[in-house]
């Protein structure tokens, strides 16, 4: 059973962003599945490295769309991206130092981090991009 399951209520209506969100969900689901199989310790560092890299690329994609379409809340949204990136990098540092392992609290952090960002922060631009015809 996945930790996070994509649903239509998570769609922001922009195909590339929805696809990237689904990719992030898949990455977060990896350590959960590994933990359930008793192999979480071996995969967390690799998954967190991939998650940090993928997140940076994803945020860059969103920020490019913000600039291209003059999204009025771009500065505020980028601050959220910067904060989330810092948290992901801090987790990455902790994992590399052996201070974090795959555990329910770590997985809950990752799940809440992503789902809250999509449902609360990213949904703020859904109507804006629809109005611009961005699909």
Protein backbone atom coordinates (compact mmCIF):
# COMPACT_ATOMS: atom_id res chain seq x y z
CA UNK A 1 0.00 0.00 0.00
CA UNK A 2 1.51 3.37 -0.99
CA UNK A 3 2.02 6.11 1.57
CA UNK A 4 0.56 8.69 -0.80
CA UNK A 5 -1.87 8.00 -3.61
CA UNK A 6 -2.36 10.51 -6.41
CA UNK A 7 -5.93 11.70 -6.78
CA UNK A 8 -7.62 14.17 -9.10
CA UNK A 9 -8.11 16.66 -6.27
CA UNK A 10 -4.31 17.08 -6.31
CA UNK A 11 -4.28 18.19 -9.95
CA UNK A 12 -3.31 21.81 -10.57
CA UNK A 13 -4.42 21.49 -14.18
CA UNK A 14 -0.94 21.94 -15.69
CA UNK A 15 0.17 18.66 -17.26
CA UNK A 16 3.92 19.07 -16.66
CA UNK A 17 3.40 20.09 -13.02
CA UNK A 18 0.92 17.29 -12.34
CA UNK A 19 3.38 14.81 -13.87
CA UNK A 20 6.18 16.11 -11.67
CA UNK A 21 3.96 15.95 -8.59
CA UNK A 22 3.21 12.32 -9.43
CA UNK A 23 6.95 11.70 -9.77
CA UNK A 24 7.55 13.21 -6.33
CA UNK A 25 4.81 11.00 -4.89
CA UNK A 26 6.49 7.95 -6.44
CA UNK A 27 9.82 8.96 -4.88
CA UNK A 28 8.28 9.38 -1.43
CA UNK A 29 6.49 6.06 -1.76
CA UNK A 30 9.79 4.25 -2.43
CA UNK A 31 11.21 4.38 1.11
CA UNK A 32 7.79 3.49 2.52
CA UNK A 33 7.69 0.30 0.47
CA UNK A 34 11.29 -0.46 1.36
CA UNK A 35 10.57 0.10 5.06
CA UNK A 36 7.64 -2.31 4.90
CA UNK A 37 9.96 -4.85 3.26
CA UNK A 38 12.60 -4.32 5.97
CA UNK A 39 15.09 -2.67 3.60
CA UNK A 40 14.46 1.02 4.31
CA UNK A 41 17.88 1.76 5.76
CA UNK A 42 19.60 0.80 2.52
CA UNK A 43 17.55 3.06 0.27
CA UNK A 44 16.87 6.23 2.24
CA UNK A 45 20.08 8.07 1.27
CA UNK A 46 19.57 7.35 -2.43
CA UNK A 47 15.89 8.29 -2.32
CA UNK A 48 16.54 11.52 -0.42
CA UNK A 49 19.28 12.50 -2.91
CA UNK A 50 16.88 11.88 -5.79
CA UNK A 51 14.09 13.70 -3.95
CA UNK A 52 16.23 16.80 -3.38
CA UNK A 53 17.37 16.89 -7.03
CA UNK A 54 13.88 16.26 -8.39
CA UNK A 55 12.36 18.86 -6.08
CA UNK A 56 14.83 21.51 -7.24
CA UNK A 57 14.03 20.75 -10.89
CA UNK A 58 10.30 20.78 -10.14
CA UNK A 59 10.47 24.13 -8.37
CA UNK A 60 12.53 25.55 -11.25
CA UNK A 61 9.78 24.44 -13.66
CA UNK A 62 7.09 26.15 -11.59
CA UNK A 63 9.15 29.32 -11.23
CA UNK A 64 9.75 29.46 -14.99
CA UNK A 65 5.98 29.27 -15.52
CA UNK A 66 5.53 32.04 -12.94
CA UNK A 67 7.93 34.34 -14.82
CA UNK A 68 6.56 33.43 -18.26
CA UNK A 69 2.97 34.20 -17.25
CA UNK A 70 3.64 36.98 -14.69
CA UNK A 71 2.13 35.09 -11.77
CA UNK A 72 1.41 37.80 -9.18
CA UNK A 73 2.24 35.63 -6.15
CA UNK A 74 5.53 34.33 -7.56
CA UNK A 75 7.76 35.94 -4.91
CA UNK A 76 5.68 34.54 -2.05
CA UNK A 77 5.55 31.10 -3.67
CA UNK A 78 9.31 31.07 -4.28
CA UNK A 79 9.87 31.75 -0.56
CA UNK A 80 7.88 28.60 0.16
CA UNK A 81 10.02 26.71 -2.35
CA UNK A 82 13.19 27.98 -0.69
CA UNK A 83 11.93 26.89 2.73
CA UNK A 84 10.94 23.43 1.52
CA UNK A 85 14.25 23.01 -0.30
CA UNK A 86 16.12 23.92 2.89
CA UNK A 87 14.13 21.32 4.84
CA UNK A 88 14.82 18.66 2.21
CA UNK A 89 18.54 19.49 2.19
CA UNK A 90 18.60 19.35 6.02
CA UNK A 91 17.02 15.88 5.88
CA UNK A 92 19.59 14.88 3.25
CA UNK A 93 22.39 16.08 5.54
CA UNK A 94 20.92 14.16 8.49
CA UNK A 95 20.60 10.99 6.45
CA UNK A 96 24.21 11.22 5.26
CA UNK A 97 25.35 11.78 8.86
CA UNK A 98 23.37 8.77 10.05
CA UNK A 99 21.01 10.94 12.11
CA UNK A 100 17.87 10.00 10.15
CA UNK A 101 16.57 6.62 9.10
CA UNK A 102 13.41 5.49 7.39
CA UNK A 103 10.81 5.76 10.10
CA UNK A 104 7.17 6.66 10.39
CA UNK A 105 8.00 10.25 11.49
CA UNK A 106 10.38 10.79 8.54
CA UNK A 107 7.84 9.38 6.09
CA UNK A 108 5.06 11.45 7.65
CA UNK A 109 7.24 14.56 7.26
CA UNK A 110 7.80 13.80 3.57
CA UNK A 111 4.13 13.02 2.97
CA UNK A 112 2.88 16.13 4.75
CA UNK A 113 5.55 18.27 3.10
CA UNK A 114 4.41 17.29 -0.38
CA UNK A 115 0.67 16.97 0.09
CA UNK A 116 0.38 20.23 2.05
CA UNK A 117 2.44 22.05 -0.57
CA UNK A 118 0.29 20.77 -3.44
CA UNK A 119 -3.10 21.20 -1.77
CA UNK A 120 -2.44 24.52 -0.02
CA UNK A 121 0.28 26.38 -1.89
CA UNK A 122 0.16 25.09 -5.46
CA UNK A 123 -3.64 25.19 -5.67
CA UNK A 124 -3.35 28.96 -5.34
CA UNK A 125 -2.08 29.17 -8.92
CA UNK A 126 -4.53 26.70 -10.48
CA UNK A 127 -7.17 29.26 -11.43
CA UNK A 128 -4.51 31.75 -12.55
CA UNK A 129 -2.94 29.30 -15.01
CA UNK A 130 -6.36 28.14 -16.22
CA UNK A 131 -7.17 31.76 -16.98
CA UNK A 132 -3.94 32.02 -18.99
CA UNK A 133 -4.79 28.83 -20.92
CA UNK A 134 -1.82 26.95 -19.51
CA UNK A 135 -2.41 23.22 -19.73
